[in-house]
């Protein structure tokens, strides 16, 4: 569990967050019909290394790429490929992690490829709202499950399902640290939040069932019913009255 205690550590994590933000901004511009997810992966790695940083995911537990690129029914951990070419009407979740000066930062966005239907756009909007609701609870004195409950209630109120197979997490000197931050739960449970604690809050929200399957590659998680899924994530610093979003 990484709790920031010095100005230098805070500066370093903000620098890692800045690079993640730059990569996501670049990919947003590049996402369009006819682009393969492998092309997005190459551009992301080039930009990370140009900032004298490292792709946090590449090689992590054997993961083969720089980004996760999760199209349509893929919930998370989609492996970029030259065979996966974006089409108008798709949605794509892009997850990016960076290591810089001993600190990790991690964030995800779901983008529309061209014009998408109303249901897909609503799913993206609600998933972003789930993230915002969770971050609003990331203040000193609250409990981890206050974040979790805010995400769950926001998703369910809109008629969607929160994924329970995967969770958010602590982050900092390691990519994944305690505490786990589920996207569901009862208020007032789990570890108490302290100022300076680093968290990666990441709702994954499904249009249909919350149940998922893992494909034979051992990574790609898909909705069991084949319906769409969206994913948003930010790395934040827990504050006294408001969290600081660094990605």
C-alpha atoms as a PDB file:
ATOM      1  CA  UNK A   1       0.000   0.000   0.000  1.00  0.00           C
ATOM      2  CA  UNK A   2       1.638   3.228  -1.157  1.00  0.00           C
ATOM      3  CA  UNK A   3       0.828   6.355   0.838  1.00  0.00           C
ATOM      4  CA  UNK A   4       2.578   9.475  -0.473  1.00  0.00           C
ATOM      5  CA  UNK A   5       4.481  11.211   2.307  1.00  0.00           C
ATOM      6  CA  UNK A   6       6.996  13.441   0.496  1.00  0.00           C
ATOM      7  CA  UNK A   7       6.794  16.156  -2.129  1.00  0.00           C
ATOM      8  CA  UNK A   8       9.308  14.258  -4.255  1.00  0.00           C
ATOM      9  CA  UNK A   9       7.190  11.107  -4.317  1.00  0.00           C
ATOM     10  CA  UNK A  10       4.141  13.177  -5.225  1.00  0.00           C
ATOM     11  CA  UNK A  11       6.072  14.800  -8.064  1.00  0.00           C
ATOM     12  CA  UNK A  12       7.123  11.394  -9.384  1.00  0.00           C
ATOM     13  CA  UNK A  13       3.656   9.883  -9.387  1.00  0.00           C
ATOM     14  CA  UNK A  14       2.268  12.974 -11.100  1.00  0.00           C
ATOM     15  CA  UNK A  15       4.900  12.578 -13.811  1.00  0.00           C
ATOM     16  CA  UNK A  16       3.870   8.964 -14.408  1.00  0.00           C
ATOM     17  CA  UNK A  17       0.257  10.102 -14.518  1.00  0.00           C
ATOM     18  CA  UNK A  18       1.055  12.818 -17.028  1.00  0.00           C
ATOM     19  CA  UNK A  19       2.520  10.277 -19.437  1.00  0.00           C
ATOM     20  CA  UNK A  20      -0.518   7.995 -19.136  1.00  0.00           C
ATOM     21  CA  UNK A  21      -2.736  10.987 -19.885  1.00  0.00           C
ATOM     22  CA  UNK A  22      -0.657  11.896 -22.951  1.00  0.00           C
ATOM     23  CA  UNK A  23      -0.856   8.360 -24.306  1.00  0.00           C
ATOM     24  CA  UNK A  24      -4.620   8.219 -23.917  1.00  0.00           C
ATOM     25  CA  UNK A  25      -4.971  11.616 -25.587  1.00  0.00           C
ATOM     26  CA  UNK A  26      -2.885  10.401 -28.536  1.00  0.00           C
ATOM     27  CA  UNK A  27      -4.877   7.191 -28.906  1.00  0.00           C
ATOM     28  CA  UNK A  28      -8.158   9.089 -28.799  1.00  0.00           C
ATOM     29  CA  UNK A  29      -7.004  10.954 -31.918  1.00  0.00           C
ATOM     30  CA  UNK A  30      -5.868   7.751 -33.635  1.00  0.00           C
ATOM     31  CA  UNK A  31      -8.992   5.664 -33.018  1.00  0.00           C
ATOM     32  CA  UNK A  32     -11.026   5.456 -36.225  1.00  0.00           C
ATOM     33  CA  UNK A  33     -12.362   2.931 -38.698  1.00  0.00           C
ATOM     34  CA  UNK A  34      -9.638   0.863 -40.378  1.00  0.00           C
ATOM     35  CA  UNK A  35      -7.045   1.132 -37.599  1.00  0.00           C
ATOM     36  CA  UNK A  36      -5.861  -2.102 -36.001  1.00  0.00           C
ATOM     37  CA  UNK A  37      -5.365  -2.440 -32.273  1.00  0.00           C
ATOM     38  CA  UNK A  38      -1.752  -3.461 -32.967  1.00  0.00           C
ATOM     39  CA  UNK A  39      -1.156  -0.022 -34.534  1.00  0.00           C
ATOM     40  CA  UNK A  40      -2.523   1.651 -31.404  1.00  0.00           C
ATOM     41  CA  UNK A  41      -0.252  -0.498 -29.282  1.00  0.00           C
ATOM     42  CA  UNK A  42       2.870   0.496 -31.241  1.00  0.00           C
ATOM     43  CA  UNK A  43       2.061   4.198 -30.993  1.00  0.00           C
ATOM     44  CA  UNK A  44       1.458   3.919 -27.264  1.00  0.00           C
ATOM     45  CA  UNK A  45       4.766   2.167 -26.637  1.00  0.00           C
ATOM     46  CA  UNK A  46       6.671   4.652 -28.780  1.00  0.00           C
ATOM     47  CA  UNK A  47       5.288   7.598 -26.813  1.00  0.00           C
ATOM     48  CA  UNK A  48       5.925   5.980 -23.435  1.00  0.00           C
ATOM     49  CA  UNK A  49       9.536   5.222 -24.302  1.00  0.00           C
ATOM     50  CA  UNK A  50      10.003   8.706 -25.777  1.00  0.00           C
ATOM     51  CA  UNK A  51       9.215   9.966 -22.263  1.00  0.00           C
ATOM     52  CA  UNK A  52      11.981   7.709 -20.863  1.00  0.00           C
ATOM     53  CA  UNK A  53       9.370   5.572 -19.134  1.00  0.00           C
ATOM     54  CA  UNK A  54       8.391   1.902 -19.330  1.00  0.00           C
ATOM     55  CA  UNK A  55       5.122   0.242 -20.399  1.00  0.00           C
ATOM     56  CA  UNK A  56       3.821  -1.161 -17.106  1.00  0.00           C
ATOM     57  CA  UNK A  57       1.818  -4.003 -18.644  1.00  0.00           C
ATOM     58  CA  UNK A  58       4.333  -5.399 -21.138  1.00  0.00           C
ATOM     59  CA  UNK A  59       5.729  -8.599 -19.662  1.00  0.00           C
ATOM     60  CA  UNK A  60       3.581  -8.339 -16.520  1.00  0.00           C
ATOM     61  CA  UNK A  61       2.715 -11.962 -15.695  1.00  0.00           C
ATOM     62  CA  UNK A  62       3.493 -12.701 -19.345  1.00  0.00           C
ATOM     63  CA  UNK A  63       1.193 -10.094 -20.898  1.00  0.00           C
ATOM     64  CA  UNK A  64       2.571  -9.500 -24.424  1.00  0.00           C
ATOM     65  CA  UNK A  65       1.618  -5.884 -25.202  1.00  0.00           C
ATOM     66  CA  UNK A  66       1.811  -2.283 -24.022  1.00  0.00           C
ATOM     67  CA  UNK A  67      -1.915  -1.533 -23.853  1.00  0.00           C
ATOM     68  CA  UNK A  68      -5.068  -3.542 -23.337  1.00  0.00           C
ATOM     69  CA  UNK A  69      -7.453  -2.928 -26.237  1.00  0.00           C
ATOM     70  CA  UNK A  70     -10.914  -4.298 -25.495  1.00  0.00           C
ATOM     71  CA  UNK A  71     -13.436  -4.066 -28.343  1.00  0.00           C
ATOM     72  CA  UNK A  72     -17.221  -4.358 -27.905  1.00  0.00           C
ATOM     73  CA  UNK A  73     -17.973  -7.460 -25.795  1.00  0.00           C
ATOM     74  CA  UNK A  74     -14.398  -7.618 -24.472  1.00  0.00           C
ATOM     75  CA  UNK A  75     -14.512  -6.435 -20.867  1.00  0.00           C
ATOM     76  CA  UNK A  76     -10.789  -6.051 -20.184  1.00  0.00           C
ATOM     77  CA  UNK A  77      -7.348  -7.401 -21.150  1.00  0.00           C
ATOM     78  CA  UNK A  78      -7.916  -7.533 -24.893  1.00  0.00           C
ATOM     79  CA  UNK A  79      -4.550  -8.264 -26.529  1.00  0.00           C
ATOM     80  CA  UNK A  80      -3.750  -5.908 -29.440  1.00  0.00           C
ATOM     81  CA  UNK A  81      -3.564  -7.605 -32.830  1.00  0.00           C
ATOM     82  CA  UNK A  82      -3.156  -6.717 -36.469  1.00  0.00           C
ATOM     83  CA  UNK A  83      -6.211  -8.878 -37.095  1.00  0.00           C
ATOM     84  CA  UNK A  84      -8.466  -6.720 -34.923  1.00  0.00           C
ATOM     85  CA  UNK A  85      -9.432  -3.772 -37.112  1.00  0.00           C
ATOM     86  CA  UNK A  86     -11.820  -1.127 -35.823  1.00  0.00           C
ATOM     87  CA  UNK A  87     -15.105  -0.465 -37.569  1.00  0.00           C
ATOM     88  CA  UNK A  88     -17.584   2.385 -37.274  1.00  0.00           C
ATOM     89  CA  UNK A  89     -20.044   1.552 -34.501  1.00  0.00           C
ATOM     90  CA  UNK A  90     -17.507  -0.293 -32.349  1.00  0.00           C
ATOM     91  CA  UNK A  91     -16.560   0.769 -28.854  1.00  0.00           C
ATOM     92  CA  UNK A  92     -13.051   0.179 -27.551  1.00  0.00           C
ATOM     93  CA  UNK A  93     -11.729   0.245 -24.016  1.00  0.00           C
ATOM     94  CA  UNK A  94      -8.060   1.229 -23.858  1.00  0.00           C
ATOM     95  CA  UNK A  95      -6.088   0.582 -20.661  1.00  0.00           C
ATOM     96  CA  UNK A  96      -2.603   2.109 -20.283  1.00  0.00           C
ATOM     97  CA  UNK A  97      -0.012   1.684 -17.532  1.00  0.00           C
ATOM     98  CA  UNK A  98       3.321   3.490 -17.130  1.00  0.00           C
ATOM     99  CA  UNK A  99       6.322   3.104 -14.844  1.00  0.00           C
ATOM    100  CA  UNK A 100       8.449   6.218 -14.371  1.00  0.00           C
ATOM    101  CA  UNK A 101      11.018   7.010 -11.665  1.00  0.00           C
ATOM    102  CA  UNK A 102       9.942   4.075  -9.527  1.00  0.00           C
ATOM    103  CA  UNK A 103       6.199   4.811  -9.595  1.00  0.00           C
ATOM    104  CA  UNK A 104       3.298   3.349 -11.557  1.00  0.00           C
ATOM    105  CA  UNK A 105       0.178   5.044 -12.921  1.00  0.00           C
ATOM    106  CA  UNK A 106      -2.726   3.351 -14.678  1.00  0.00           C
ATOM    107  CA  UNK A 107      -5.854   4.593 -16.462  1.00  0.00           C
ATOM    108  CA  UNK A 108      -8.464   3.499 -18.986  1.00  0.00           C
ATOM    109  CA  UNK A 109     -11.018   5.093 -21.282  1.00  0.00           C
ATOM    110  CA  UNK A 110     -13.732   3.691 -23.529  1.00  0.00           C
ATOM    111  CA  UNK A 111     -14.019   5.378 -26.914  1.00  0.00           C
ATOM    112  CA  UNK A 112     -16.643   5.265 -29.646  1.00  0.00           C
ATOM    113  CA  UNK A 113     -15.422   4.477 -33.146  1.00  0.00           C
ATOM    114  CA  UNK A 114     -17.280   6.934 -35.331  1.00  0.00           C
ATOM    115  CA  UNK A 115     -21.025   7.036 -34.730  1.00  0.00           C
ATOM    116  CA  UNK A 116     -22.334   4.409 -32.319  1.00  0.00           C
ATOM    117  CA  UNK A 117     -25.905   3.586 -31.412  1.00  0.00           C
ATOM    118  CA  UNK A 118     -27.741   5.200 -28.518  1.00  0.00           C
ATOM    119  CA  UNK A 119     -27.412   2.189 -26.217  1.00  0.00           C
ATOM    120  CA  UNK A 120     -23.637   2.018 -26.655  1.00  0.00           C
ATOM    121  CA  UNK A 121     -23.241   5.728 -26.056  1.00  0.00           C
ATOM    122  CA  UNK A 122     -25.375   5.488 -22.920  1.00  0.00           C
ATOM    123  CA  UNK A 123     -23.218   2.624 -21.616  1.00  0.00           C
ATOM    124  CA  UNK A 124     -20.079   4.721 -22.092  1.00  0.00           C
ATOM    125  CA  UNK A 125     -21.660   7.720 -20.356  1.00  0.00           C
ATOM    126  CA  UNK A 126     -22.873   5.709 -17.370  1.00  0.00           C
ATOM    127  CA  UNK A 127     -19.531   3.960 -16.926  1.00  0.00           C
ATOM    128  CA  UNK A 128     -17.831   7.358 -16.801  1.00  0.00           C
ATOM    129  CA  UNK A 129     -20.428   8.465 -14.260  1.00  0.00           C
ATOM    130  CA  UNK A 130     -19.663   5.353 -12.182  1.00  0.00           C
ATOM    131  CA  UNK A 131     -15.992   6.344 -12.116  1.00  0.00           C
ATOM    132  CA  UNK A 132     -16.824   9.901 -11.094  1.00  0.00           C
ATOM    133  CA  UNK A 133     -19.113   8.666  -8.320  1.00  0.00           C
ATOM    134  CA  UNK A 134     -16.405   6.371  -6.998  1.00  0.00           C
ATOM    135  CA  UNK A 135     -13.715   9.040  -7.072  1.00  0.00           C
ATOM    136  CA  UNK A 136     -15.997  11.403  -5.133  1.00  0.00           C
ATOM    137  CA  UNK A 137     -15.821   8.942  -2.222  1.00  0.00           C
ATOM    138  CA  UNK A 138     -11.993   8.724  -2.225  1.00  0.00           C
ATOM    139  CA  UNK A 139     -11.487  11.031   0.752  1.00  0.00           C
ATOM    140  CA  UNK A 140      -9.882  10.550   4.150  1.00  0.00           C
ATOM    141  CA  UNK A 141     -12.158   8.903   6.699  1.00  0.00           C
ATOM    142  CA  UNK A 142     -14.272   7.007   4.183  1.00  0.00           C
ATOM    143  CA  UNK A 143     -13.937   3.267   3.674  1.00  0.00           C
ATOM    144  CA  UNK A 144     -12.972   1.435   0.508  1.00  0.00           C
ATOM    145  CA  UNK A 145     -16.508   0.100   0.123  1.00  0.00           C
ATOM    146  CA  UNK A 146     -17.891   3.643   0.013  1.00  0.00           C
ATOM    147  CA  UNK A 147     -16.186   3.863  -3.380  1.00  0.00           C
ATOM    148  CA  UNK A 148     -17.499   0.410  -4.310  1.00  0.00           C
ATOM    149  CA  UNK A 149     -21.088   1.156  -3.329  1.00  0.00           C
ATOM    150  CA  UNK A 150     -21.156   4.438  -5.258  1.00  0.00           C
ATOM    151  CA  UNK A 151     -20.068   2.622  -8.431  1.00  0.00           C
ATOM    152  CA  UNK A 152     -22.577  -0.196  -7.975  1.00  0.00           C
ATOM    153  CA  UNK A 153     -25.528   2.079  -7.277  1.00  0.00           C
ATOM    154  CA  UNK A 154     -24.756   4.334 -10.243  1.00  0.00           C
ATOM    155  CA  UNK A 155     -24.561   1.370 -12.621  1.00  0.00           C
ATOM    156  CA  UNK A 156     -27.657  -0.387 -11.358  1.00  0.00           C
ATOM    157  CA  UNK A 157     -29.770   2.764 -11.291  1.00  0.00           C
ATOM    158  CA  UNK A 158     -29.103   3.062 -15.042  1.00  0.00           C
ATOM    159  CA  UNK A 159     -30.017  -0.582 -15.674  1.00  0.00           C
ATOM    160  CA  UNK A 160     -26.480  -1.892 -16.155  1.00  0.00           C
ATOM    161  CA  UNK A 161     -24.405  -4.481 -14.286  1.00  0.00           C
ATOM    162  CA  UNK A 162     -21.056  -3.967 -12.572  1.00  0.00           C
ATOM    163  CA  UNK A 163     -18.401  -6.615 -13.237  1.00  0.00           C
ATOM    164  CA  UNK A 164     -17.366  -8.495 -10.101  1.00  0.00           C
ATOM    165  CA  UNK A 165     -14.621 -10.729 -11.500  1.00  0.00           C
ATOM    166  CA  UNK A 166     -12.113  -7.841 -11.581  1.00  0.00           C
ATOM    167  CA  UNK A 167     -11.487  -4.996  -9.147  1.00  0.00           C
ATOM    168  CA  UNK A 168      -9.659  -1.712  -8.770  1.00  0.00           C
ATOM    169  CA  UNK A 169      -6.559  -1.646  -6.627  1.00  0.00           C
ATOM    170  CA  UNK A 170      -3.911   0.232  -4.782  1.00  0.00           C
ATOM    171  CA  UNK A 171      -1.018   1.401  -6.927  1.00  0.00           C
ATOM    172  CA  UNK A 172       2.262   3.249  -6.481  1.00  0.00           C
ATOM    173  CA  UNK A 173       5.593   1.517  -6.130  1.00  0.00           C
ATOM    174  CA  UNK A 174       3.937  -1.570  -7.628  1.00  0.00           C
ATOM    175  CA  UNK A 175       1.341  -1.847 -10.366  1.00  0.00           C
ATOM    176  CA  UNK A 176      -1.088  -3.726  -8.127  1.00  0.00           C
ATOM    177  CA  UNK A 177      -1.102  -3.187  -4.372  1.00  0.00           C
ATOM    178  CA  UNK A 178      -3.517  -3.407  -1.469  1.00  0.00           C
ATOM    179  CA  UNK A 179      -6.266  -2.518  -0.999  1.00  0.00           C
ATOM    180  CA  UNK A 180      -8.529  -4.130  -3.559  1.00  0.00           C
ATOM    181  CA  UNK A 181     -11.281  -1.743  -4.670  1.00  0.00           C
ATOM    182  CA  UNK A 182     -14.316  -3.754  -5.806  1.00  0.00           C
ATOM    183  CA  UNK A 183     -16.991  -2.178  -7.982  1.00  0.00           C
ATOM    184  CA  UNK A 184     -19.761  -3.321  -5.659  1.00  0.00           C
ATOM    185  CA  UNK A 185     -20.335  -3.541  -1.922  1.00  0.00           C
ATOM    186  CA  UNK A 186     -22.053  -2.309   1.202  1.00  0.00           C
ATOM    187  CA  UNK A 187     -21.093   1.126   2.526  1.00  0.00           C
ATOM    188  CA  UNK A 188     -18.742   1.466   5.478  1.00  0.00           C
ATOM    189  CA  UNK A 189     -16.700  -1.711   4.966  1.00  0.00           C
ATOM    190  CA  UNK A 190     -13.037  -2.377   4.289  1.00  0.00           C
ATOM    191  CA  UNK A 191      -9.893  -0.367   5.066  1.00  0.00           C
ATOM    192  CA  UNK A 192     -10.218   3.275   6.075  1.00  0.00           C
ATOM    193  CA  UNK A 193      -8.893   5.717   3.493  1.00  0.00           C
ATOM    194  CA  UNK A 194      -5.963   7.958   4.422  1.00  0.00           C
ATOM    195  CA  UNK A 195      -4.742  11.159   2.789  1.00  0.00           C
ATOM    196  CA  UNK A 196      -2.005  10.386   0.285  1.00  0.00           C
ATOM    197  CA  UNK A 197      -3.119   6.818  -0.469  1.00  0.00           C
ATOM    198  CA  UNK A 198      -2.817   5.952  -4.155  1.00  0.00           C
ATOM    199  CA  UNK A 199      -5.719   4.098  -5.746  1.00  0.00           C
ATOM    200  CA  UNK A 200      -6.617   2.940  -9.247  1.00  0.00           C
ATOM    201  CA  UNK A 201     -10.418   3.080  -9.375  1.00  0.00           C
ATOM    202  CA  UNK A 202     -11.806   1.247 -12.397  1.00  0.00           C
ATOM    203  CA  UNK A 203     -15.456   0.397 -12.994  1.00  0.00           C
ATOM    204  CA  UNK A 204     -16.147  -2.194 -15.670  1.00  0.00           C
ATOM    205  CA  UNK A 205     -19.832  -2.042 -16.577  1.00  0.00           C
ATOM    206  CA  UNK A 206     -21.821  -4.449 -18.762  1.00  0.00           C
ATOM    207  CA  UNK A 207     -24.925  -3.860 -20.819  1.00  0.00           C
ATOM    208  CA  UNK A 208     -26.272  -7.339 -20.052  1.00  0.00           C
ATOM    209  CA  UNK A 209     -25.131 -10.012 -17.634  1.00  0.00           C
ATOM    210  CA  UNK A 210     -22.192  -9.343 -15.338  1.00  0.00           C
ATOM    211  CA  UNK A 211     -20.917 -12.871 -16.010  1.00  0.00           C
ATOM    212  CA  UNK A 212     -17.753 -13.182 -18.074  1.00  0.00           C
ATOM    213  CA  UNK A 213     -15.585 -15.831 -19.715  1.00  0.00           C
ATOM    214  CA  UNK A 214     -11.822 -15.869 -20.293  1.00  0.00           C
ATOM    215  CA  UNK A 215     -10.705 -16.840 -23.796  1.00  0.00           C
ATOM    216  CA  UNK A 216      -8.074 -19.467 -24.532  1.00  0.00           C
ATOM    217  CA  UNK A 217      -5.288 -16.849 -24.633  1.00  0.00           C
ATOM    218  CA  UNK A 218      -5.634 -16.671 -20.847  1.00  0.00           C
ATOM    219  CA  UNK A 219      -6.182 -12.896 -20.864  1.00  0.00           C
ATOM    220  CA  UNK A 220      -9.139 -11.713 -22.921  1.00  0.00           C
ATOM    221  CA  UNK A 221     -12.275 -11.393 -20.767  1.00  0.00           C
ATOM    222  CA  UNK A 222     -15.589 -11.277 -22.650  1.00  0.00           C
ATOM    223  CA  UNK A 223     -19.218 -10.899 -21.596  1.00  0.00           C
ATOM    224  CA  UNK A 224     -20.906 -14.275 -21.461  1.00  0.00           C
ATOM    225  CA  UNK A 225     -23.940 -13.014 -23.401  1.00  0.00           C
ATOM    226  CA  UNK A 226     -21.898 -11.177 -26.041  1.00  0.00           C
ATOM    227  CA  UNK A 227     -23.284  -7.770 -25.101  1.00  0.00           C
ATOM    228  CA  UNK A 228     -21.178  -4.621 -24.816  1.00  0.00           C
ATOM    229  CA  UNK A 229     -18.917  -3.694 -21.904  1.00  0.00           C
ATOM    230  CA  UNK A 230     -17.215  -0.392 -21.027  1.00  0.00           C
ATOM    231  CA  UNK A 231     -14.265   0.434 -18.781  1.00  0.00           C
ATOM    232  CA  UNK A 232     -12.968   3.658 -17.240  1.00  0.00           C
ATOM    233  CA  UNK A 233     -10.122   4.088 -14.768  1.00  0.00           C
ATOM    234  CA  UNK A 234      -8.113   6.811 -13.068  1.00  0.00           C
ATOM    235  CA  UNK A 235      -5.190   6.784 -10.676  1.00  0.00           C
ATOM    236  CA  UNK A 236      -6.025   9.114  -7.799  1.00  0.00           C
ATOM    237  CA  UNK A 237      -4.478  10.429  -4.602  1.00  0.00           C
ATOM    238  CA  UNK A 238      -6.892  10.274  -1.674  1.00  0.00           C
ATOM    239  CA  UNK A 239      -7.408  13.773  -0.241  1.00  0.00           C
ATOM    240  CA  UNK A 240      -8.864  15.362   2.877  1.00  0.00           C
ATOM    241  CA  UNK A 241     -11.946  16.654   1.066  1.00  0.00           C
ATOM    242  CA  UNK A 242     -11.380  15.711  -2.569  1.00  0.00           C
ATOM    243  CA  UNK A 243      -9.229  13.199  -4.433  1.00  0.00           C
ATOM    244  CA  UNK A 244      -6.598  14.394  -6.888  1.00  0.00           C
ATOM    245  CA  UNK A 245      -6.856  12.696 -10.292  1.00  0.00           C
ATOM    246  CA  UNK A 246      -3.350  12.326 -11.707  1.00  0.00           C
ATOM    247  CA  UNK A 247      -4.198  10.553 -14.953  1.00  0.00           C
END
